[in-house]
Amino acid sequence: MAAARFLVSGRVQGVFFRASTREQAQRLGLCGHARNLPDGRVEVLAAGEADAIETLARWLQHGPPQARVDAVQREAATDGDAGTTFQIT
């Protein structure tokens, strides 16, 4: 199982970014979470098949229609923090 952590910046809070990310992740069979950070970014932790993570990574570049994504930072992660479902926290 692969895992990645993404930090998404731009207009990504208050525009259904986390809920839309959860829908995408569940459709792709990924576990993990999406959560707002105090600095205005959204953190996304995704674990599952590498191809599914890559698909989510491409989607995060633009997000839902209401969002404006300025940057996506990707970091290595372990799947131990991902849990068994994809949650909004």
PDB file of N, CA and C in Angstrom:
ATOM      1  N   MET A   1       0.842  -1.171   0.000  1.00  0.00           N
ATOM      2  CA  MET A   1       0.000   0.000   0.000  1.00  0.00           C
ATOM      3  C   MET A   1       0.895   1.244   0.000  1.00  0.00           C
ATOM      4  N   ALA A   2       0.536   2.234  -0.794  1.00  0.00           N
ATOM      5  CA  ALA A   2       1.261   3.494  -0.879  1.00  0.00           C
ATOM      6  C   ALA A   2       0.524   4.556  -0.066  1.00  0.00           C
ATOM      7  N   ALA A   3       1.219   5.638   0.268  1.00  0.00           N
ATOM      8  CA  ALA A   3       0.600   6.739   1.002  1.00  0.00           C
ATOM      9  C   ALA A   3       1.285   8.043   0.639  1.00  0.00           C
ATOM     10  N   ALA A   4       0.518   9.126   0.698  1.00  0.00           N
ATOM     11  CA  ALA A   4       1.062  10.455   0.436  1.00  0.00           C
ATOM     12  C   ALA A   4       0.277  11.487   1.238  1.00  0.00           C
ATOM     13  N   ARG A   5       0.972  12.555   1.594  1.00  0.00           N
ATOM     14  CA  ARG A   5       0.351  13.682   2.296  1.00  0.00           C
ATOM     15  C   ARG A   5       0.448  14.891   1.379  1.00  0.00           C
ATOM     16  N   PHE A   6      -0.683  15.583   1.214  1.00  0.00           N
ATOM     17  CA  PHE A   6      -0.745  16.755   0.358  1.00  0.00           C
ATOM     18  C   PHE A   6      -1.146  17.963   1.188  1.00  0.00           C
ATOM     19  N   LEU A   7      -0.523  19.095   0.921  1.00  0.00           N
ATOM     20  CA  LEU A   7      -0.897  20.367   1.528  1.00  0.00           C
ATOM     21  C   LEU A   7      -1.358  21.263   0.387  1.00  0.00           C
ATOM     22  N   VAL A   8      -2.647  21.593   0.396  1.00  0.00           N
ATOM     23  CA  VAL A   8      -3.264  22.320  -0.709  1.00  0.00           C
ATOM     24  C   VAL A   8      -3.537  23.752  -0.265  1.00  0.00           C
ATOM     25  N   SER A   9      -3.028  24.705  -1.019  1.00  0.00           N
ATOM     26  CA  SER A   9      -3.246  26.106  -0.667  1.00  0.00           C
ATOM     27  C   SER A   9      -4.013  26.823  -1.769  1.00  0.00           C
ATOM     28  N   GLY A  10      -4.629  27.923  -1.385  1.00  0.00           N
ATOM     29  CA  GLY A  10      -5.461  28.711  -2.279  1.00  0.00           C
ATOM     30  C   GLY A  10      -6.784  28.984  -1.586  1.00  0.00           C
ATOM     31  N   ARG A  11      -7.846  29.132  -2.367  1.00  0.00           N
ATOM     32  CA  ARG A  11      -9.183  29.255  -1.774  1.00  0.00           C
ATOM     33  C   ARG A  11      -9.751  27.838  -1.660  1.00  0.00           C
ATOM     34  N   VAL A  12      -9.393  27.181  -0.554  1.00  0.00           N
ATOM     35  CA  VAL A  12      -9.728  25.767  -0.393  1.00  0.00           C
ATOM     36  C   VAL A  12     -10.511  25.478   0.882  1.00  0.00           C
ATOM     37  N   GLN A  13     -10.778  26.505   1.678  1.00  0.00           N
ATOM     38  CA  GLN A  13     -11.614  26.315   2.861  1.00  0.00           C
ATOM     39  C   GLN A  13     -12.931  27.039   2.634  1.00  0.00           C
ATOM     40  N   GLY A  14     -14.032  26.384   3.040  1.00  0.00           N
ATOM     41  CA  GLY A  14     -15.352  26.974   2.871  1.00  0.00           C
ATOM     42  C   GLY A  14     -15.921  26.827   1.476  1.00  0.00           C
ATOM     43  N   VAL A  15     -15.348  25.950   0.660  1.00  0.00           N
ATOM     44  CA  VAL A  15     -15.821  25.758  -0.718  1.00  0.00           C
ATOM     45  C   VAL A  15     -16.060  24.272  -1.019  1.00  0.00           C
ATOM     46  N   PHE A  16     -16.338  23.489   0.007  1.00  0.00           N
ATOM     47  CA  PHE A  16     -16.616  22.049  -0.114  1.00  0.00           C
ATOM     48  C   PHE A  16     -15.411  21.247  -0.599  1.00  0.00           C
ATOM     49  N   PHE A  17     -14.213  21.784  -0.367  1.00  0.00           N
ATOM     50  CA  PHE A  17     -13.008  21.083  -0.807  1.00  0.00           C
ATOM     51  C   PHE A  17     -12.851  19.747  -0.098  1.00  0.00           C
ATOM     52  N   ARG A  18     -13.006  19.746   1.228  1.00  0.00           N
ATOM     53  CA  ARG A  18     -12.826  18.499   1.977  1.00  0.00           C
ATOM     54  C   ARG A  18     -13.872  17.459   1.588  1.00  0.00           C
ATOM     55  N   ALA A  19     -15.130  17.874   1.478  1.00  0.00           N
ATOM     56  CA  ALA A  19     -16.199  16.929   1.114  1.00  0.00           C
ATOM     57  C   ALA A  19     -15.987  16.378  -0.290  1.00  0.00           C
ATOM     58  N   SER A  20     -15.589  17.235  -1.204  1.00  0.00           N
ATOM     59  CA  SER A  20     -15.334  16.781  -2.577  1.00  0.00           C
ATOM     60  C   SER A  20     -14.128  15.854  -2.634  1.00  0.00           C
ATOM     61  N   THR A  21     -13.117  16.148  -1.815  1.00  0.00           N
ATOM     62  CA  THR A  21     -11.936  15.282  -1.752  1.00  0.00           C
ATOM     63  C   THR A  21     -12.331  13.908  -1.218  1.00  0.00           C
ATOM     64  N   ARG A  22     -13.170  13.887  -0.186  1.00  0.00           N
ATOM     65  CA  ARG A  22     -13.627  12.598   0.352  1.00  0.00           C
ATOM     66  C   ARG A  22     -14.365  11.798  -0.713  1.00  0.00           C
ATOM     67  N   GLU A  23     -15.235  12.447  -1.475  1.00  0.00           N
ATOM     68  CA  GLU A  23     -15.959  11.749  -2.551  1.00  0.00           C
ATOM     69  C   GLU A  23     -14.989  11.142  -3.560  1.00  0.00           C
ATOM     70  N   GLN A  24     -13.990  11.924  -3.970  1.00  0.00           N
ATOM     71  CA  GLN A  24     -13.000  11.414  -4.921  1.00  0.00           C
ATOM     72  C   GLN A  24     -12.228  10.244  -4.332  1.00  0.00           C
ATOM     73  N   ALA A  25     -11.780  10.404  -3.089  1.00  0.00           N
ATOM     74  CA  ALA A  25     -10.984   9.359  -2.437  1.00  0.00           C
ATOM     75  C   ALA A  25     -11.791   8.073  -2.276  1.00  0.00           C
ATOM     76  N   GLN A  26     -13.046   8.193  -1.866  1.00  0.00           N
ATOM     77  CA  GLN A  26     -13.882   7.003  -1.706  1.00  0.00           C
ATOM     78  C   GLN A  26     -14.113   6.326  -3.054  1.00  0.00           C
ATOM     79  N   ARG A  27     -14.333   7.112  -4.081  1.00  0.00           N
ATOM     80  CA  ARG A  27     -14.520   6.552  -5.430  1.00  0.00           C
ATOM     81  C   ARG A  27     -13.279   5.778  -5.866  1.00  0.00           C
ATOM     82  N   LEU A  28     -12.110   6.239  -5.427  1.00  0.00           N
ATOM     83  CA  LEU A  28     -10.842   5.605  -5.793  1.00  0.00           C
ATOM     84  C   LEU A  28     -10.420   4.495  -4.835  1.00  0.00           C
ATOM     85  N   GLY A  29     -11.192   4.277  -3.771  1.00  0.00           N
ATOM     86  CA  GLY A  29     -10.875   3.228  -2.808  1.00  0.00           C
ATOM     87  C   GLY A  29      -9.749   3.591  -1.859  1.00  0.00           C
ATOM     88  N   LEU A  30      -9.563   4.876  -1.584  1.00  0.00           N
ATOM     89  CA  LEU A  30      -8.476   5.322  -0.721  1.00  0.00           C
ATOM     90  C   LEU A  30      -8.946   5.520   0.721  1.00  0.00           C
ATOM     91  N   CYS A  31      -8.040   5.386   1.646  1.00  0.00           N
ATOM     92  CA  CYS A  31      -8.260   5.678   3.064  1.00  0.00           C
ATOM     93  C   CYS A  31      -7.486   6.950   3.400  1.00  0.00           C
ATOM     94  N   GLY A  32      -7.842   7.576   4.517  1.00  0.00           N
ATOM     95  CA  GLY A  32      -7.104   8.744   4.963  1.00  0.00           C
ATOM     96  C   GLY A  32      -8.014   9.813   5.494  1.00  0.00           C
ATOM     97  N   HIS A  33      -7.623  11.076   5.278  1.00  0.00           N
ATOM     98  CA  HIS A  33      -8.434  12.183   5.772  1.00  0.00           C
ATOM     99  C   HIS A  33      -8.153  13.464   5.001  1.00  0.00           C
ATOM    100  N   ALA A  34      -9.086  14.404   5.142  1.00  0.00           N
ATOM    101  CA  ALA A  34      -8.902  15.773   4.663  1.00  0.00           C
ATOM    102  C   ALA A  34      -9.270  16.674   5.830  1.00  0.00           C
ATOM    103  N   ARG A  35      -8.393  17.642   6.143  1.00  0.00           N
ATOM    104  CA  ARG A  35      -8.699  18.535   7.260  1.00  0.00           C
ATOM    105  C   ARG A  35      -8.171  19.938   6.984  1.00  0.00           C
ATOM    106  N   ASN A  36      -8.919  20.912   7.512  1.00  0.00           N
ATOM    107  CA  ASN A  36      -8.491  22.298   7.425  1.00  0.00           C
ATOM    108  C   ASN A  36      -7.336  22.536   8.376  1.00  0.00           C
ATOM    109  N   LEU A  37      -6.390  23.326   7.948  1.00  0.00           N
ATOM    110  CA  LEU A  37      -5.285  23.742   8.791  1.00  0.00           C
ATOM    111  C   LEU A  37      -5.488  25.204   9.195  1.00  0.00           C
ATOM    112  N   PRO A  38      -4.960  25.596  10.340  1.00  0.00           N
ATOM    113  CA  PRO A  38      -5.145  26.968  10.814  1.00  0.00           C
ATOM    114  C   PRO A  38      -4.624  28.039   9.847  1.00  0.00           C
ATOM    115  N   ASP A  39      -3.659  27.691   8.993  1.00  0.00           N
ATOM    116  CA  ASP A  39      -3.085  28.672   8.073  1.00  0.00           C
ATOM    117  C   ASP A  39      -3.872  28.813   6.771  1.00  0.00           C
ATOM    118  N   GLY A  40      -5.042  28.153   6.663  1.00  0.00           N
ATOM    119  CA  GLY A  40      -5.889  28.278   5.482  1.00  0.00           C
ATOM    120  C   GLY A  40      -5.720  27.188   4.449  1.00  0.00           C
ATOM    121  N   ARG A  41      -4.726  26.321   4.649  1.00  0.00           N
ATOM    122  CA  ARG A  41      -4.538  25.209   3.719  1.00  0.00           C
ATOM    123  C   ARG A  41      -5.413  24.031   4.125  1.00  0.00           C
ATOM    124  N   VAL A  42      -5.507  23.050   3.221  1.00  0.00           N
ATOM    125  CA  VAL A  42      -6.151  21.780   3.524  1.00  0.00           C
ATOM    126  C   VAL A  42      -5.086  20.695   3.437  1.00  0.00           C
ATOM    127  N   GLU A  43      -5.034  19.852   4.469  1.00  0.00           N
ATOM    128  CA  GLU A  43      -4.137  18.699   4.483  1.00  0.00           C
ATOM    129  C   GLU A  43      -4.933  17.481   4.039  1.00  0.00           C
ATOM    130  N   VAL A  44      -4.368  16.727   3.109  1.00  0.00           N
ATOM    131  CA  VAL A  44      -4.990  15.492   2.636  1.00  0.00           C
ATOM    132  C   VAL A  44      -3.981  14.367   2.819  1.00  0.00           C
ATOM    133  N   LEU A  45      -4.370  13.351   3.560  1.00  0.00           N
ATOM    134  CA  LEU A  45      -3.569  12.142   3.698  1.00  0.00           C
ATOM    135  C   LEU A  45      -4.312  11.040   2.960  1.00  0.00           C
ATOM    136  N   ALA A  46      -3.651  10.389   2.022  1.00  0.00           N
ATOM    137  CA  ALA A  46      -4.282   9.338   1.236  1.00  0.00           C
ATOM    138  C   ALA A  46      -3.421   8.089   1.231  1.00  0.00           C
ATOM    139  N   ALA A  47      -4.061   6.944   1.413  1.00  0.00           N
ATOM    140  CA  ALA A  47      -3.356   5.667   1.387  1.00  0.00           C
ATOM    141  C   ALA A  47      -4.163   4.673   0.564  1.00  0.00           C
ATOM    142  N   GLY A  48      -3.460   3.860  -0.204  1.00  0.00           N
ATOM    143  CA  GLY A  48      -4.125   2.864  -1.036  1.00  0.00           C
ATOM    144  C   GLY A  48      -3.235   2.519  -2.213  1.00  0.00           C
ATOM    145  N   GLU A  49      -3.857   2.147  -3.300  1.00  0.00           N
ATOM    146  CA  GLU A  49      -3.114   1.792  -4.513  1.00  0.00           C
ATOM    147  C   GLU A  49      -2.413   3.029  -5.079  1.00  0.00           C
ATOM    148  N   ALA A  50      -1.195   2.855  -5.536  1.00  0.00           N
ATOM    149  CA  ALA A  50      -0.397   3.976  -6.041  1.00  0.00           C
ATOM    150  C   ALA A  50      -1.087   4.701  -7.190  1.00  0.00           C
ATOM    151  N   ASP A  51      -1.710   3.963  -8.101  1.00  0.00           N
ATOM    152  CA  ASP A  51      -2.402   4.594  -9.229  1.00  0.00           C
ATOM    153  C   ASP A  51      -3.558   5.459  -8.751  1.00  0.00           C
ATOM    154  N   ALA A  52      -4.269   5.017  -7.725  1.00  0.00           N
ATOM    155  CA  ALA A  52      -5.381   5.784  -7.179  1.00  0.00           C
ATOM    156  C   ALA A  52      -4.877   7.068  -6.521  1.00  0.00           C
ATOM    157  N   ILE A  53      -3.754   6.998  -5.845  1.00  0.00           N
ATOM    158  CA  ILE A  53      -3.173   8.195  -5.230  1.00  0.00           C
ATOM    159  C   ILE A  53      -2.756   9.184  -6.312  1.00  0.00           C
ATOM    160  N   GLU A  54      -2.209   8.701  -7.395  1.00  0.00           N
ATOM    161  CA  GLU A  54      -1.818   9.584  -8.498  1.00  0.00           C
ATOM    162  C   GLU A  54      -3.039  10.253  -9.119  1.00  0.00           C
ATOM    163  N   THR A  55      -4.131   9.521  -9.249  1.00  0.00           N
ATOM    164  CA  THR A  55      -5.367  10.102  -9.771  1.00  0.00           C
ATOM    165  C   THR A  55      -5.875  11.196  -8.839  1.00  0.00           C
ATOM    166  N   LEU A  56      -5.862  10.932  -7.533  1.00  0.00           N
ATOM    167  CA  LEU A  56      -6.277  11.946  -6.570  1.00  0.00           C
ATOM    168  C   LEU A  56      -5.340  13.154  -6.627  1.00  0.00           C
ATOM    169  N   ALA A  57      -4.048  12.917  -6.755  1.00  0.00           N
ATOM    170  CA  ALA A  57      -3.080  14.016  -6.830  1.00  0.00           C
ATOM    171  C   ALA A  57      -3.389  14.935  -8.011  1.00  0.00           C
ATOM    172  N   ARG A  58      -3.754  14.371  -9.154  1.00  0.00           N
ATOM    173  CA  ARG A  58      -4.118  15.185 -10.315  1.00  0.00           C
ATOM    174  C   ARG A  58      -5.387  15.978 -10.036  1.00  0.00           C
ATOM    175  N   TRP A  59      -6.375  15.346  -9.378  1.00  0.00           N
ATOM    176  CA  TRP A  59      -7.631  16.035  -9.052  1.00  0.00           C
ATOM    177  C   TRP A  59      -7.383  17.188  -8.083  1.00  0.00           C
ATOM    178  N   LEU A  60      -6.495  17.000  -7.117  1.00  0.00           N
ATOM    179  CA  LEU A  60      -6.204  18.044  -6.137  1.00  0.00           C
ATOM    180  C   LEU A  60      -5.623  19.299  -6.776  1.00  0.00           C
ATOM    181  N   GLN A  61      -5.065  19.192  -7.959  1.00  0.00           N
ATOM    182  CA  GLN A  61      -4.505  20.358  -8.641  1.00  0.00           C
ATOM    183  C   GLN A  61      -5.568  21.406  -8.976  1.00  0.00           C
ATOM    184  N   HIS A  62      -6.826  20.982  -9.066  1.00  0.00           N
ATOM    185  CA  HIS A  62      -7.897  21.940  -9.371  1.00  0.00           C
ATOM    186  C   HIS A  62      -9.038  21.876  -8.364  1.00  0.00           C
ATOM    187  N   GLY A  63      -9.293  20.715  -7.769  1.00  0.00           N
ATOM    188  CA  GLY A  63     -10.345  20.574  -6.760  1.00  0.00           C
ATOM    189  C   GLY A  63     -11.735  20.782  -7.329  1.00  0.00           C
ATOM    190  N   PRO A  64     -12.716  21.060  -6.466  1.00  0.00           N
ATOM    191  CA  PRO A  64     -14.086  21.262  -6.914  1.00  0.00           C
ATOM    192  C   PRO A  64     -14.232  22.628  -7.608  1.00  0.00           C
ATOM    193  N   PRO A  65     -15.333  22.839  -8.309  1.00  0.00           N
ATOM    194  CA  PRO A  65     -15.509  24.086  -9.077  1.00  0.00           C
ATOM    195  C   PRO A  65     -15.379  25.370  -8.256  1.00  0.00           C
ATOM    196  N   GLN A  66     -15.792  25.355  -7.001  1.00  0.00           N
ATOM    197  CA  GLN A  66     -15.778  26.565  -6.188  1.00  0.00           C
ATOM    198  C   GLN A  66     -14.372  26.931  -5.691  1.00  0.00           C
ATOM    199  N   ALA A  67     -13.455  25.995  -5.748  1.00  0.00           N
ATOM    200  CA  ALA A  67     -12.110  26.193  -5.197  1.00  0.00           C
ATOM    201  C   ALA A  67     -11.195  26.898  -6.193  1.00  0.00           C
ATOM    202  N   ARG A  68     -10.130  27.470  -5.652  1.00  0.00           N
ATOM    203  CA  ARG A  68      -9.028  27.987  -6.460  1.00  0.00           C
ATOM    204  C   ARG A  68      -7.753  27.432  -5.830  1.00  0.00           C
ATOM    205  N   VAL A  69      -7.148  26.500  -6.491  1.00  0.00           N
ATOM    206  CA  VAL A  69      -5.925  25.871  -5.974  1.00  0.00           C
ATOM    207  C   VAL A  69      -4.723  26.629  -6.514  1.00  0.00           C
ATOM    208  N   ASP A  70      -3.924  27.166  -5.581  1.00  0.00           N
ATOM    209  CA  ASP A  70      -2.707  27.884  -5.970  1.00  0.00           C
ATOM    210  C   ASP A  70      -1.491  26.961  -5.988  1.00  0.00           C
ATOM    211  N   ALA A  71      -1.443  26.006  -5.062  1.00  0.00           N
ATOM    212  CA  ALA A  71      -0.284  25.111  -4.983  1.00  0.00           C
ATOM    213  C   ALA A  71      -0.670  23.838  -4.251  1.00  0.00           C
ATOM    214  N   VAL A  72      -0.017  22.752  -4.626  1.00  0.00           N
ATOM    215  CA  VAL A  72      -0.155  21.468  -3.929  1.00  0.00           C
ATOM    216  C   VAL A  72       1.244  20.978  -3.616  1.00  0.00           C
ATOM    217  N   GLN A  73       1.511  20.853  -2.336  1.00  0.00           N
ATOM    218  CA  GLN A  73       2.805  20.320  -1.877  1.00  0.00           C
ATOM    219  C   GLN A  73       2.592  18.856  -1.510  1.00  0.00           C
ATOM    220  N   ARG A  74       3.452  17.998  -1.991  1.00  0.00           N
ATOM    221  CA  ARG A  74       3.333  16.564  -1.719  1.00  0.00           C
ATOM    222  C   ARG A  74       4.497  16.086  -0.869  1.00  0.00           C
ATOM    223  N   GLU A  75       4.179  15.247   0.113  1.00  0.00           N
ATOM    224  CA  GLU A  75       5.187  14.678   0.996  1.00  0.00           C
ATOM    225  C   GLU A  75       4.956  13.179   1.116  1.00  0.00           C
ATOM    226  N   ALA A  76       6.021  12.458   1.399  1.00  0.00           N
ATOM    227  CA  ALA A  76       5.881  11.026   1.665  1.00  0.00           C
ATOM    228  C   ALA A  76       5.134  10.844   2.984  1.00  0.00           C
ATOM    229  N   ALA A  77       4.420   9.767   3.095  1.00  0.00           N
ATOM    230  CA  ALA A  77       3.668   9.468   4.316  1.00  0.00           C
ATOM    231  C   ALA A  77       3.654   7.971   4.524  1.00  0.00           C
ATOM    232  N   THR A  78       3.258   7.561   5.721  1.00  0.00           N
ATOM    233  CA  THR A  78       3.064   6.149   5.997  1.00  0.00           C
ATOM    234  C   THR A  78       1.570   5.893   6.081  1.00  0.00           C
ATOM    235  N   ASP A  79       1.170   4.693   5.738  1.00  0.00           N
ATOM    236  CA  ASP A  79      -0.258   4.377   5.746  1.00  0.00           C
ATOM    237  C   ASP A  79      -0.792   4.097   7.145  1.00  0.00           C
ATOM    238  N   GLY A  80       0.064   4.065   8.133  1.00  0.00           N
ATOM    239  CA  GLY A  80      -0.367   3.787   9.500  1.00  0.00           C
ATOM    240  C   GLY A  80      -1.317   4.820  10.067  1.00  0.00           C
ATOM    241  N   ASP A  81      -1.253   6.053   9.566  1.00  0.00           N
ATOM    242  CA  ASP A  81      -2.126   7.118  10.050  1.00  0.00           C
ATOM    243  C   ASP A  81      -3.416   7.230   9.247  1.00  0.00           C
ATOM    244  N   ALA A  82      -3.579   6.431   8.215  1.00  0.00           N
ATOM    245  CA  ALA A  82      -4.684   6.607   7.285  1.00  0.00           C
ATOM    246  C   ALA A  82      -6.003   6.009   7.765  1.00  0.00           C
ATOM    247  N   GLY A  83      -5.981   5.072   8.686  1.00  0.00           N
ATOM    248  CA  GLY A  83      -7.215   4.437   9.124  1.00  0.00           C
ATOM    249  C   GLY A  83      -7.747   3.474   8.073  1.00  0.00           C
ATOM    250  N   THR A  84      -9.036   3.173   8.171  1.00  0.00           N
ATOM    251  CA  THR A  84      -9.637   2.191   7.256  1.00  0.00           C
ATOM    252  C   THR A  84     -10.670   2.810   6.321  1.00  0.00           C
ATOM    253  N   THR A  85     -10.976   4.100   6.507  1.00  0.00           N
ATOM    254  CA  THR A  85     -11.903   4.813   5.640  1.00  0.00           C
ATOM    255  C   THR A  85     -11.313   6.183   5.346  1.00  0.00           C
ATOM    256  N   PHE A  86     -12.008   6.982   4.560  1.00  0.00           N
ATOM    257  CA  PHE A  86     -11.576   8.340   4.307  1.00  0.00           C
ATOM    258  C   PHE A  86     -12.494   9.283   5.050  1.00  0.00           C
ATOM    259  N   GLN A  87     -11.915  10.073   5.954  1.00  0.00           N
ATOM    260  CA  GLN A  87     -12.687  10.930   6.859  1.00  0.00           C
ATOM    261  C   GLN A  87     -12.412  12.405   6.603  1.00  0.00           C
ATOM    262  N   ILE A  88     -13.378  13.223   6.970  1.00  0.00           N
ATOM    263  CA  ILE A  88     -13.174  14.663   7.073  1.00  0.00           C
ATOM    264  C   ILE A  88     -12.958  14.933   8.553  1.00  0.00           C
ATOM    265  N   THR A  89     -11.835  15.543   8.888  1.00  0.00           N
ATOM    266  CA  THR A  89     -11.555  15.830  10.304  1.00  0.00           C
ATOM    267  C   THR A  89     -11.351  17.307  10.512  1.00  0.00           C
TER     268      THR A  89
END
